[in-house]
């Protein structure tokens, strides 16, 4: 399983390989909703965006991550970031995470199409046997979005991480771990297609 930068395109969403050229668009996107203020997740401040891009690209060079910039095709506007991470080549597993979207595309079918593109590429091009999703136990919006994809809760990692967000004051994070396995993918793909056919972005 060798992951290389690739552009994945849907009807409404385009996932482009993350590049420093996306900096200004990502800074504008994260300001839509002031997403860095959410205490239960980690979203970069506009002033820290260049550092975050460099961090992800460095992990990509080490083969540990494949980061994308998410583009809203209808507006030709940068909408956020997402990533293949925790890549386990030997066991053909990976996680889709470190995802955030600007506020104007949240609670739409935007995330459904982005995840369908990522899942399809993981299961079909790279023959993954499982794809994971992880989120803070208190991030109810993220948990509902993951569950709507058809992912199943594997369990909760209690006191998994120390939350370093300024508003969290070093609280301990419990992490919910979800997954979709390869034998579930055909039904999940049908489910996601049905969801997209019912919703307009």
N, C-alpha and C. Protein backbone atom coordinates (compact mmCIF):
# COMPACT_ATOMS: atom_id res chain seq x y z
N UNK A 1 0.85 -1.19 0.00
CA UNK A 1 0.00 0.00 0.00
C UNK A 1 0.88 1.23 0.00
N UNK A 2 0.98 1.90 -1.15
CA UNK A 2 1.82 3.08 -1.29
C UNK A 2 0.94 4.27 -1.65
N UNK A 3 0.77 5.18 -0.72
CA UNK A 3 -0.09 6.34 -0.96
C UNK A 3 0.73 7.50 -1.53
N UNK A 4 0.25 8.07 -2.62
CA UNK A 4 0.91 9.20 -3.27
C UNK A 4 -0.09 10.33 -3.43
N UNK A 5 0.38 11.58 -3.46
CA UNK A 5 -0.54 12.71 -3.66
C UNK A 5 -1.40 12.52 -4.89
N UNK A 6 -2.69 12.79 -4.75
CA UNK A 6 -3.65 12.59 -5.83
C UNK A 6 -4.79 13.57 -5.64
N UNK A 7 -5.42 13.99 -6.73
CA UNK A 7 -6.62 14.81 -6.67
C UNK A 7 -7.84 13.91 -6.84
N UNK A 8 -8.80 14.03 -5.92
CA UNK A 8 -10.04 13.26 -5.95
C UNK A 8 -11.19 14.23 -6.18
N UNK A 9 -11.99 13.98 -7.21
CA UNK A 9 -13.01 14.94 -7.61
C UNK A 9 -14.40 14.34 -7.62
N UNK A 10 -15.33 15.04 -6.99
CA UNK A 10 -16.73 14.67 -7.02
C UNK A 10 -17.54 15.76 -7.70
N UNK A 11 -18.85 15.69 -7.54
CA UNK A 11 -19.71 16.69 -8.17
C UNK A 11 -19.60 18.04 -7.48
N UNK A 12 -19.44 18.01 -6.15
CA UNK A 12 -19.43 19.24 -5.37
C UNK A 12 -18.12 19.50 -4.64
N UNK A 13 -17.31 18.47 -4.49
CA UNK A 13 -16.11 18.54 -3.67
C UNK A 13 -14.89 18.10 -4.48
N UNK A 14 -13.80 18.82 -4.34
CA UNK A 14 -12.53 18.38 -4.92
C UNK A 14 -11.47 18.37 -3.82
N UNK A 15 -10.78 17.25 -3.71
CA UNK A 15 -9.71 17.09 -2.73
C UNK A 15 -8.39 17.20 -3.47
N UNK A 16 -7.64 18.26 -3.19
CA UNK A 16 -6.36 18.49 -3.84
C UNK A 16 -5.23 18.22 -2.86
N UNK A 17 -4.07 17.76 -3.35
CA UNK A 17 -2.92 17.61 -2.46
C UNK A 17 -2.61 18.93 -1.78
N UNK A 18 -2.49 18.90 -0.46
CA UNK A 18 -2.20 20.10 0.30
C UNK A 18 -0.91 20.76 -0.18
N UNK A 19 -0.94 22.08 -0.31
CA UNK A 19 0.24 22.82 -0.75
C UNK A 19 0.25 24.18 -0.07
N UNK A 20 1.41 24.78 0.05
CA UNK A 20 1.52 26.10 0.65
C UNK A 20 0.75 27.14 -0.16
N UNK A 21 0.51 26.86 -1.45
CA UNK A 21 -0.28 27.77 -2.28
C UNK A 21 -1.71 27.93 -1.76
N UNK A 22 -2.17 27.00 -0.92
CA UNK A 22 -3.52 27.05 -0.36
C UNK A 22 -3.61 27.91 0.90
N UNK A 23 -2.49 28.47 1.33
CA UNK A 23 -2.43 29.15 2.63
C UNK A 23 -3.52 30.21 2.80
N UNK A 24 -3.60 31.15 1.88
CA UNK A 24 -4.56 32.25 2.03
C UNK A 24 -5.99 31.73 2.07
N UNK A 25 -6.30 30.78 1.19
CA UNK A 25 -7.64 30.22 1.18
C UNK A 25 -7.98 29.50 2.47
N UNK A 26 -7.02 28.78 3.03
CA UNK A 26 -7.25 28.08 4.30
C UNK A 26 -7.41 29.05 5.46
N UNK A 27 -6.65 30.15 5.44
CA UNK A 27 -6.81 31.16 6.48
C UNK A 27 -8.20 31.79 6.42
N UNK A 28 -8.68 32.06 5.21
CA UNK A 28 -10.03 32.61 5.07
C UNK A 28 -11.08 31.60 5.51
N UNK A 29 -10.87 30.33 5.17
CA UNK A 29 -11.85 29.29 5.51
C UNK A 29 -11.99 29.13 7.02
N UNK A 30 -10.87 29.12 7.73
CA UNK A 30 -10.93 28.87 9.17
C UNK A 30 -11.54 30.05 9.92
N UNK A 31 -11.52 31.23 9.30
CA UNK A 31 -12.16 32.39 9.93
C UNK A 31 -13.68 32.29 9.87
N UNK A 32 -14.20 31.51 8.93
CA UNK A 32 -15.64 31.33 8.79
C UNK A 32 -16.13 30.43 9.93
N UNK A 33 -16.53 31.04 11.02
CA UNK A 33 -16.97 30.31 12.19
C UNK A 33 -15.95 30.32 13.32
N UNK A 34 -14.79 30.97 13.08
CA UNK A 34 -13.72 31.04 14.10
C UNK A 34 -13.49 29.66 14.71
N UNK A 35 -13.17 28.71 13.85
CA UNK A 35 -13.14 27.30 14.23
C UNK A 35 -12.07 26.97 15.27
N UNK A 36 -11.03 27.77 15.34
CA UNK A 36 -9.94 27.49 16.31
C UNK A 36 -10.39 27.65 17.75
N UNK A 37 -11.58 28.23 17.97
CA UNK A 37 -12.07 28.44 19.33
C UNK A 37 -12.77 27.21 19.90
N UNK A 38 -13.01 26.17 19.07
CA UNK A 38 -13.66 24.97 19.56
C UNK A 38 -12.69 24.20 20.47
N UNK A 39 -13.06 24.03 21.73
CA UNK A 39 -12.13 23.47 22.71
C UNK A 39 -11.93 21.96 22.56
N UNK A 40 -12.90 21.27 21.95
CA UNK A 40 -12.86 19.80 21.90
C UNK A 40 -12.22 19.26 20.63
N UNK A 41 -11.67 20.13 19.82
CA UNK A 41 -10.97 19.69 18.61
C UNK A 41 -9.79 20.60 18.37
N UNK A 42 -8.93 20.24 17.44
CA UNK A 42 -7.73 21.03 17.16
C UNK A 42 -7.81 21.56 15.74
N UNK A 43 -8.07 22.86 15.64
CA UNK A 43 -8.14 23.55 14.35
C UNK A 43 -7.16 24.71 14.42
N UNK A 44 -6.29 24.87 13.42
CA UNK A 44 -5.27 25.92 13.51
C UNK A 44 -5.85 27.33 13.42
N UNK A 45 -5.26 28.23 14.18
CA UNK A 45 -5.55 29.66 14.09
C UNK A 45 -5.02 30.16 12.75
N UNK A 46 -5.65 31.18 12.15
CA UNK A 46 -5.13 31.69 10.87
C UNK A 46 -3.63 32.02 10.91
N UNK A 47 -3.16 32.55 12.04
CA UNK A 47 -1.75 32.91 12.15
C UNK A 47 -0.84 31.68 12.21
N UNK A 48 -1.41 30.53 12.54
CA UNK A 48 -0.62 29.30 12.66
C UNK A 48 -0.80 28.37 11.45
N UNK A 49 -1.54 28.83 10.44
CA UNK A 49 -1.87 27.95 9.33
C UNK A 49 -0.65 27.51 8.54
N UNK A 50 0.30 28.43 8.30
CA UNK A 50 1.51 28.06 7.55
C UNK A 50 2.28 26.96 8.27
N UNK A 51 2.37 27.08 9.60
CA UNK A 51 3.06 26.07 10.39
C UNK A 51 2.35 24.72 10.30
N UNK A 52 1.01 24.75 10.31
CA UNK A 52 0.23 23.51 10.21
C UNK A 52 0.42 22.86 8.84
N UNK A 53 0.44 23.67 7.79
CA UNK A 53 0.68 23.12 6.45
C UNK A 53 2.06 22.46 6.40
N UNK A 54 3.06 23.13 6.94
CA UNK A 54 4.41 22.57 6.97
C UNK A 54 4.46 21.27 7.76
N UNK A 55 3.74 21.23 8.89
CA UNK A 55 3.73 20.02 9.72
C UNK A 55 3.16 18.85 8.93
N UNK A 56 2.03 19.08 8.27
CA UNK A 56 1.39 17.99 7.52
C UNK A 56 2.26 17.55 6.34
N UNK A 57 2.86 18.51 5.66
CA UNK A 57 3.70 18.15 4.52
C UNK A 57 4.96 17.41 4.96
N UNK A 58 5.48 17.75 6.13
CA UNK A 58 6.63 17.02 6.67
C UNK A 58 6.25 15.58 6.98
N UNK A 59 5.09 15.37 7.58
CA UNK A 59 4.62 14.01 7.85
C UNK A 59 4.36 13.25 6.56
N UNK A 60 3.91 13.97 5.53
CA UNK A 60 3.74 13.33 4.23
C UNK A 60 5.08 12.84 3.69
N UNK A 61 6.13 13.66 3.84
CA UNK A 61 7.45 13.27 3.34
C UNK A 61 7.99 12.04 4.06
N UNK A 62 7.52 11.83 5.29
CA UNK A 62 7.94 10.67 6.08
C UNK A 62 7.04 9.45 5.82
N UNK A 63 6.03 9.62 4.98
CA UNK A 63 5.12 8.52 4.67
C UNK A 63 4.09 8.25 5.74
N UNK A 64 3.88 9.23 6.65
CA UNK A 64 2.97 9.01 7.76
C UNK A 64 1.60 9.66 7.56
N UNK A 65 1.47 10.45 6.50
CA UNK A 65 0.24 11.23 6.31
C UNK A 65 0.11 11.56 4.84
N UNK A 66 -1.14 11.68 4.37
CA UNK A 66 -1.41 12.18 3.02
C UNK A 66 -2.49 13.25 3.17
N UNK A 67 -2.09 14.53 3.23
CA UNK A 67 -3.04 15.61 3.51
C UNK A 67 -3.65 16.21 2.24
N UNK A 68 -4.90 16.67 2.39
CA UNK A 68 -5.64 17.28 1.28
C UNK A 68 -6.18 18.65 1.69
N UNK A 69 -6.28 19.53 0.71
CA UNK A 69 -7.09 20.73 0.83
C UNK A 69 -8.43 20.43 0.20
N UNK A 70 -9.50 20.79 0.90
CA UNK A 70 -10.85 20.51 0.42
C UNK A 70 -11.38 21.76 -0.29
N UNK A 71 -11.81 21.58 -1.54
CA UNK A 71 -12.30 22.68 -2.36
C UNK A 71 -13.79 22.54 -2.61
N UNK A 72 -14.54 23.62 -2.40
CA UNK A 72 -15.95 23.68 -2.76
C UNK A 72 -16.01 23.98 -4.25
N UNK A 73 -16.39 22.99 -5.05
CA UNK A 73 -16.35 23.12 -6.51
C UNK A 73 -17.31 24.19 -7.00
N UNK A 74 -18.48 24.28 -6.42
CA UNK A 74 -19.48 25.24 -6.89
C UNK A 74 -19.00 26.68 -6.73
N UNK A 75 -18.32 26.96 -5.62
CA UNK A 75 -17.83 28.32 -5.37
C UNK A 75 -16.38 28.50 -5.78
N UNK A 76 -15.70 27.40 -6.12
CA UNK A 76 -14.24 27.41 -6.35
C UNK A 76 -13.56 28.11 -5.19
N UNK A 77 -13.86 27.61 -4.01
CA UNK A 77 -13.44 28.22 -2.76
C UNK A 77 -12.85 27.15 -1.84
N UNK A 78 -11.75 27.47 -1.19
CA UNK A 78 -11.17 26.56 -0.21
C UNK A 78 -12.14 26.40 0.95
N UNK A 79 -12.44 25.15 1.30
CA UNK A 79 -13.43 24.88 2.34
C UNK A 79 -12.85 24.24 3.60
N UNK A 80 -11.60 23.73 3.53
CA UNK A 80 -11.04 23.11 4.73
C UNK A 80 -9.90 22.16 4.41
N UNK A 81 -9.64 21.28 5.37
CA UNK A 81 -8.55 20.31 5.26
C UNK A 81 -9.04 18.94 5.70
N UNK A 82 -8.42 17.89 5.17
CA UNK A 82 -8.65 16.53 5.64
C UNK A 82 -7.41 15.71 5.33
N UNK A 83 -7.31 14.51 5.89
CA UNK A 83 -6.05 13.79 5.84
C UNK A 83 -6.23 12.29 5.98
N UNK A 84 -5.46 11.54 5.20
CA UNK A 84 -5.17 10.15 5.54
C UNK A 84 -4.02 10.18 6.54
N UNK A 85 -4.19 9.53 7.69
CA UNK A 85 -3.16 9.57 8.73
C UNK A 85 -3.07 8.21 9.43
N UNK A 86 -2.09 8.09 10.33
CA UNK A 86 -1.86 6.82 11.01
C UNK A 86 -1.87 5.66 10.01
N UNK A 87 -1.11 5.84 8.95
CA UNK A 87 -1.08 4.86 7.85
C UNK A 87 -0.30 3.62 8.28
N UNK A 88 -0.96 2.49 8.26
CA UNK A 88 -0.36 1.20 8.64
C UNK A 88 -0.31 0.33 7.39
N UNK A 89 0.81 0.43 6.67
CA UNK A 89 0.92 -0.28 5.39
C UNK A 89 0.89 -1.79 5.56
N UNK A 90 1.55 -2.28 6.60
CA UNK A 90 1.64 -3.73 6.79
C UNK A 90 0.26 -4.35 6.98
N UNK A 91 -0.62 -3.61 7.65
CA UNK A 91 -1.95 -4.14 7.93
C UNK A 91 -3.05 -3.51 7.07
N UNK A 92 -2.63 -2.70 6.09
CA UNK A 92 -3.55 -2.07 5.15
C UNK A 92 -4.70 -1.36 5.88
N UNK A 93 -4.31 -0.52 6.83
CA UNK A 93 -5.27 0.28 7.60
C UNK A 93 -4.82 1.74 7.57
N UNK A 94 -5.78 2.63 7.71
CA UNK A 94 -5.44 4.04 7.88
C UNK A 94 -6.61 4.73 8.57
N UNK A 95 -6.35 5.96 8.98
CA UNK A 95 -7.38 6.79 9.61
C UNK A 95 -7.65 7.99 8.71
N UNK A 96 -8.91 8.38 8.62
CA UNK A 96 -9.27 9.65 8.01
C UNK A 96 -9.54 10.61 9.15
N UNK A 97 -8.76 11.68 9.21
CA UNK A 97 -8.90 12.58 10.34
C UNK A 97 -8.26 13.94 10.10
N UNK A 98 -8.06 14.68 11.22
CA UNK A 98 -7.56 16.06 11.17
C UNK A 98 -8.36 16.86 10.14
N UNK A 99 -9.68 16.69 10.20
CA UNK A 99 -10.59 17.30 9.23
C UNK A 99 -11.31 18.48 9.85
N UNK A 100 -11.38 19.55 9.11
CA UNK A 100 -12.24 20.68 9.50
C UNK A 100 -12.75 21.36 8.22
N UNK A 101 -13.96 21.94 8.33
CA UNK A 101 -14.59 22.64 7.21
C UNK A 101 -15.08 24.01 7.66
N UNK A 102 -15.03 24.97 6.75
CA UNK A 102 -15.58 26.28 7.05
C UNK A 102 -17.06 26.16 7.38
N UNK A 103 -17.58 27.11 8.11
CA UNK A 103 -18.94 27.00 8.64
C UNK A 103 -20.00 26.91 7.55
N UNK A 104 -19.80 27.57 6.40
CA UNK A 104 -20.87 27.63 5.41
C UNK A 104 -21.10 26.31 4.67
N UNK A 105 -20.25 25.29 4.88
CA UNK A 105 -20.52 23.98 4.28
C UNK A 105 -20.84 22.92 5.33
N UNK A 106 -20.82 23.30 6.60
CA UNK A 106 -21.16 22.35 7.66
C UNK A 106 -22.66 22.07 7.64
N UNK A 107 -23.02 20.86 8.08
CA UNK A 107 -24.41 20.41 8.12
C UNK A 107 -25.04 20.38 6.72
N UNK A 108 -24.22 20.08 5.73
CA UNK A 108 -24.71 19.85 4.37
C UNK A 108 -24.20 18.48 3.94
N UNK A 109 -24.45 18.12 2.69
CA UNK A 109 -23.94 16.84 2.18
C UNK A 109 -22.48 16.92 1.78
N UNK A 110 -21.85 18.06 2.01
CA UNK A 110 -20.46 18.28 1.63
C UNK A 110 -19.53 17.22 2.23
N UNK A 111 -19.67 17.00 3.54
CA UNK A 111 -18.81 16.02 4.21
C UNK A 111 -19.06 14.61 3.68
N UNK A 112 -20.32 14.30 3.37
CA UNK A 112 -20.65 12.97 2.87
C UNK A 112 -19.90 12.68 1.57
N UNK A 113 -19.90 13.66 0.65
CA UNK A 113 -19.20 13.42 -0.62
C UNK A 113 -17.70 13.35 -0.42
N UNK A 114 -17.15 14.22 0.43
CA UNK A 114 -15.70 14.18 0.68
C UNK A 114 -15.29 12.84 1.26
N UNK A 115 -16.06 12.33 2.21
CA UNK A 115 -15.72 11.05 2.83
C UNK A 115 -15.91 9.90 1.84
N UNK A 116 -16.92 10.00 0.98
CA UNK A 116 -17.10 8.93 -0.01
C UNK A 116 -15.90 8.87 -0.95
N UNK A 117 -15.38 10.02 -1.36
CA UNK A 117 -14.18 10.04 -2.21
C UNK A 117 -13.00 9.40 -1.51
N UNK A 118 -12.80 9.76 -0.24
CA UNK A 118 -11.66 9.22 0.51
C UNK A 118 -11.82 7.73 0.79
N UNK A 119 -13.01 7.32 1.16
CA UNK A 119 -13.24 5.90 1.43
C UNK A 119 -13.09 5.06 0.17
N UNK A 120 -13.65 5.54 -0.93
CA UNK A 120 -13.55 4.80 -2.19
C UNK A 120 -12.09 4.61 -2.59
N UNK A 121 -11.30 5.66 -2.47
CA UNK A 121 -9.88 5.57 -2.84
C UNK A 121 -9.14 4.61 -1.91
N UNK A 122 -9.47 4.66 -0.62
CA UNK A 122 -8.79 3.78 0.35
C UNK A 122 -9.12 2.32 0.10
N UNK A 123 -10.41 2.01 -0.06
CA UNK A 123 -10.81 0.61 -0.20
C UNK A 123 -10.55 0.06 -1.60
N UNK A 124 -10.73 0.87 -2.62
CA UNK A 124 -10.66 0.35 -3.98
C UNK A 124 -9.27 0.49 -4.60
N UNK A 125 -8.62 1.62 -4.39
CA UNK A 125 -7.29 1.80 -4.98
C UNK A 125 -6.20 1.18 -4.13
N UNK A 126 -6.38 1.22 -2.80
CA UNK A 126 -5.32 0.75 -1.91
C UNK A 126 -5.68 -0.52 -1.15
N UNK A 127 -6.86 -1.06 -1.40
CA UNK A 127 -7.26 -2.35 -0.82
C UNK A 127 -7.14 -2.37 0.71
N UNK A 128 -7.51 -1.26 1.32
CA UNK A 128 -7.50 -1.22 2.79
C UNK A 128 -8.49 -2.24 3.34
N UNK A 129 -8.15 -2.80 4.48
CA UNK A 129 -9.08 -3.71 5.14
C UNK A 129 -9.92 -3.00 6.19
N UNK A 130 -9.48 -1.79 6.59
CA UNK A 130 -10.25 -1.02 7.56
C UNK A 130 -9.84 0.44 7.48
N UNK A 131 -10.81 1.32 7.68
CA UNK A 131 -10.57 2.76 7.76
C UNK A 131 -11.16 3.26 9.07
N UNK A 132 -10.35 3.98 9.84
CA UNK A 132 -10.74 4.46 11.16
C UNK A 132 -11.13 5.93 11.13
N UNK A 133 -11.95 6.31 12.11
CA UNK A 133 -12.27 7.70 12.40
C UNK A 133 -12.18 7.86 13.92
N UNK A 134 -11.59 8.97 14.37
CA UNK A 134 -11.48 9.21 15.81
C UNK A 134 -11.95 10.63 16.12
N UNK A 135 -12.60 10.79 17.27
CA UNK A 135 -13.05 12.11 17.67
C UNK A 135 -13.23 12.18 19.18
N UNK A 136 -13.25 13.39 19.69
CA UNK A 136 -13.45 13.62 21.13
C UNK A 136 -14.85 13.15 21.52
N UNK A 137 -14.95 12.54 22.66
CA UNK A 137 -16.24 12.03 23.12
C UNK A 137 -17.30 13.13 23.21
N UNK A 138 -16.88 14.38 23.44
CA UNK A 138 -17.82 15.49 23.55
C UNK A 138 -18.08 16.20 22.22
N UNK A 139 -17.42 15.77 21.16
CA UNK A 139 -17.65 16.39 19.86
C UNK A 139 -18.85 15.72 19.19
N UNK A 140 -20.03 16.11 19.65
CA UNK A 140 -21.26 15.44 19.21
C UNK A 140 -21.51 15.65 17.71
N UNK A 141 -21.17 16.82 17.19
CA UNK A 141 -21.36 17.07 15.77
C UNK A 141 -20.53 16.11 14.93
N UNK A 142 -19.27 15.92 15.33
CA UNK A 142 -18.39 15.01 14.61
C UNK A 142 -18.86 13.57 14.75
N UNK A 143 -19.29 13.19 15.95
CA UNK A 143 -19.74 11.82 16.17
C UNK A 143 -20.96 11.51 15.32
N UNK A 144 -21.90 12.44 15.25
CA UNK A 144 -23.10 12.21 14.43
C UNK A 144 -22.72 12.10 12.95
N UNK A 145 -21.79 12.95 12.52
CA UNK A 145 -21.37 12.91 11.12
C UNK A 145 -20.71 11.58 10.78
N UNK A 146 -19.88 11.07 11.68
CA UNK A 146 -19.21 9.78 11.46
C UNK A 146 -20.23 8.65 11.42
N UNK A 147 -21.17 8.69 12.35
CA UNK A 147 -22.19 7.64 12.40
C UNK A 147 -23.09 7.68 11.18
N UNK A 148 -23.37 8.88 10.63
CA UNK A 148 -24.18 8.97 9.42
C UNK A 148 -23.48 8.34 8.22
N UNK A 149 -22.17 8.27 8.26
CA UNK A 149 -21.44 7.62 7.17
C UNK A 149 -21.68 6.11 7.15
N UNK A 150 -22.03 5.57 8.31
CA UNK A 150 -22.18 4.12 8.41
C UNK A 150 -21.06 3.46 9.20
N UNK A 151 -20.19 4.27 9.79
CA UNK A 151 -19.10 3.73 10.62
C UNK A 151 -19.66 3.22 11.94
N UNK A 152 -19.01 2.20 12.49
CA UNK A 152 -19.43 1.62 13.77
C UNK A 152 -18.45 1.98 14.87
N UNK A 153 -18.99 2.19 16.06
CA UNK A 153 -18.16 2.52 17.21
C UNK A 153 -17.42 1.28 17.69
N UNK A 154 -16.09 1.31 17.63
CA UNK A 154 -15.28 0.21 18.14
C UNK A 154 -15.11 0.30 19.65
N UNK A 155 -15.07 1.52 20.17
CA UNK A 155 -14.90 1.69 21.60
C UNK A 155 -14.42 3.09 21.93
N UNK A 156 -14.20 3.33 23.22
CA UNK A 156 -13.74 4.64 23.70
C UNK A 156 -12.40 4.45 24.41
N UNK A 157 -11.40 5.19 23.96
CA UNK A 157 -10.09 5.20 24.62
C UNK A 157 -10.15 6.24 25.73
N UNK A 158 -10.27 5.78 26.96
CA UNK A 158 -10.43 6.70 28.09
C UNK A 158 -9.09 7.31 28.47
N UNK A 159 -9.13 8.62 28.80
CA UNK A 159 -7.92 9.39 29.12
C UNK A 159 -6.85 9.14 28.05
N UNK A 160 -7.27 9.26 26.81
CA UNK A 160 -6.40 8.96 25.68
C UNK A 160 -5.34 10.03 25.45
N UNK A 161 -5.73 11.30 25.66
CA UNK A 161 -4.81 12.39 25.40
C UNK A 161 -5.03 13.51 26.41
N UNK A 162 -3.99 14.33 26.58
CA UNK A 162 -4.11 15.55 27.37
C UNK A 162 -4.48 16.67 26.40
N UNK A 163 -5.63 17.30 26.65
CA UNK A 163 -6.11 18.37 25.78
C UNK A 163 -5.34 19.65 26.08
N UNK A 164 -4.63 20.17 25.08
CA UNK A 164 -3.79 21.35 25.30
C UNK A 164 -4.44 22.64 24.81
N UNK A 165 -5.70 22.59 24.36
CA UNK A 165 -6.39 23.80 23.94
C UNK A 165 -6.48 24.76 25.12
N UNK A 166 -6.21 26.06 24.91
CA UNK A 166 -6.24 27.03 26.02
C UNK A 166 -7.53 27.01 26.82
N UNK A 167 -8.66 26.76 26.17
CA UNK A 167 -9.94 26.75 26.87
C UNK A 167 -10.17 25.45 27.64
N UNK A 168 -9.40 24.42 27.33
CA UNK A 168 -9.62 23.11 27.96
C UNK A 168 -8.84 22.94 29.25
N UNK A 169 -7.82 23.79 29.47
CA UNK A 169 -7.06 23.80 30.71
C UNK A 169 -6.53 22.41 31.10
N UNK A 170 -5.85 21.77 30.15
CA UNK A 170 -5.17 20.50 30.40
C UNK A 170 -6.13 19.38 30.83
N UNK A 171 -7.36 19.43 30.36
CA UNK A 171 -8.29 18.34 30.66
C UNK A 171 -7.87 17.10 29.87
N UNK A 172 -8.39 15.95 30.29
CA UNK A 172 -8.07 14.69 29.63
C UNK A 172 -9.15 14.36 28.61
N UNK A 173 -8.72 13.94 27.44
CA UNK A 173 -9.64 13.63 26.35
C UNK A 173 -9.93 12.14 26.29
N UNK A 174 -11.22 11.79 26.26
CA UNK A 174 -11.65 10.44 25.91
C UNK A 174 -11.92 10.43 24.40
N UNK A 175 -11.37 9.46 23.69
CA UNK A 175 -11.46 9.43 22.23
C UNK A 175 -12.35 8.29 21.77
N UNK A 176 -13.38 8.62 20.99
CA UNK A 176 -14.23 7.60 20.37
C UNK A 176 -13.57 7.10 19.09
N UNK A 177 -13.46 5.79 18.96
CA UNK A 177 -12.85 5.18 17.77
C UNK A 177 -13.95 4.47 16.98
N UNK A 178 -14.10 4.87 15.73
CA UNK A 178 -15.06 4.26 14.81
C UNK A 178 -14.30 3.62 13.65
N UNK A 179 -14.94 2.71 12.94
CA UNK A 179 -14.30 2.15 11.75
C UNK A 179 -15.33 1.65 10.76
N UNK A 180 -14.89 1.54 9.52
CA UNK A 180 -15.59 0.84 8.46
C UNK A 180 -14.61 -0.21 7.93
N UNK A 181 -15.03 -1.46 7.80
CA UNK A 181 -14.13 -2.50 7.30
C UNK A 181 -14.50 -2.83 5.85
N UNK A 182 -13.57 -3.50 5.17
CA UNK A 182 -13.72 -3.70 3.73
C UNK A 182 -14.99 -4.44 3.35
N UNK A 183 -15.41 -5.41 4.15
CA UNK A 183 -16.62 -6.16 3.81
C UNK A 183 -17.88 -5.31 3.95
N UNK A 184 -17.80 -4.22 4.71
CA UNK A 184 -18.93 -3.31 4.88
C UNK A 184 -19.00 -2.26 3.78
N UNK A 185 -17.87 -2.05 3.09
CA UNK A 185 -17.78 -0.94 2.16
C UNK A 185 -18.85 -0.97 1.06
N UNK A 186 -19.16 -2.09 0.42
CA UNK A 186 -20.20 -2.05 -0.64
C UNK A 186 -21.53 -1.49 -0.14
N UNK A 187 -21.96 -1.90 1.04
CA UNK A 187 -23.22 -1.38 1.57
C UNK A 187 -23.08 0.07 2.00
N UNK A 188 -21.95 0.42 2.58
CA UNK A 188 -21.72 1.81 2.97
C UNK A 188 -21.71 2.71 1.74
N UNK A 189 -21.09 2.25 0.66
CA UNK A 189 -21.04 3.04 -0.57
C UNK A 189 -22.45 3.30 -1.10
N UNK A 190 -23.29 2.26 -1.09
CA UNK A 190 -24.68 2.44 -1.51
C UNK A 190 -25.41 3.43 -0.62
N UNK A 191 -25.17 3.32 0.67
CA UNK A 191 -25.79 4.20 1.66
C UNK A 191 -25.39 5.65 1.41
N UNK A 192 -24.11 5.90 1.16
CA UNK A 192 -23.63 7.26 0.93
C UNK A 192 -24.19 7.82 -0.38
N UNK A 193 -24.26 6.97 -1.40
CA UNK A 193 -24.84 7.41 -2.65
C UNK A 193 -26.29 7.80 -2.49
N UNK A 194 -27.02 7.02 -1.70
CA UNK A 194 -28.43 7.33 -1.43
C UNK A 194 -28.55 8.65 -0.68
N UNK A 195 -27.70 8.86 0.32
CA UNK A 195 -27.73 10.12 1.06
C UNK A 195 -27.49 11.31 0.15
N UNK A 196 -26.51 11.18 -0.74
CA UNK A 196 -26.17 12.28 -1.64
C UNK A 196 -27.28 12.56 -2.64
N UNK A 197 -28.01 11.52 -3.05
CA UNK A 197 -29.09 11.72 -4.00
C UNK A 197 -30.28 12.46 -3.37
N UNK A 198 -30.35 12.44 -2.05
CA UNK A 198 -31.47 13.06 -1.33
C UNK A 198 -31.21 14.48 -0.88
N UNK A 199 -29.95 14.88 -0.93
CA UNK A 199 -29.59 16.19 -0.38
C UNK A 199 -28.87 17.03 -1.43
N UNK A 200 -29.20 18.28 -1.43
CA UNK A 200 -28.47 19.23 -2.26
C UNK A 200 -27.55 20.04 -1.38
N UNK A 201 -26.37 20.39 -1.91
CA UNK A 201 -25.41 21.16 -1.13
C UNK A 201 -25.80 22.63 -1.15
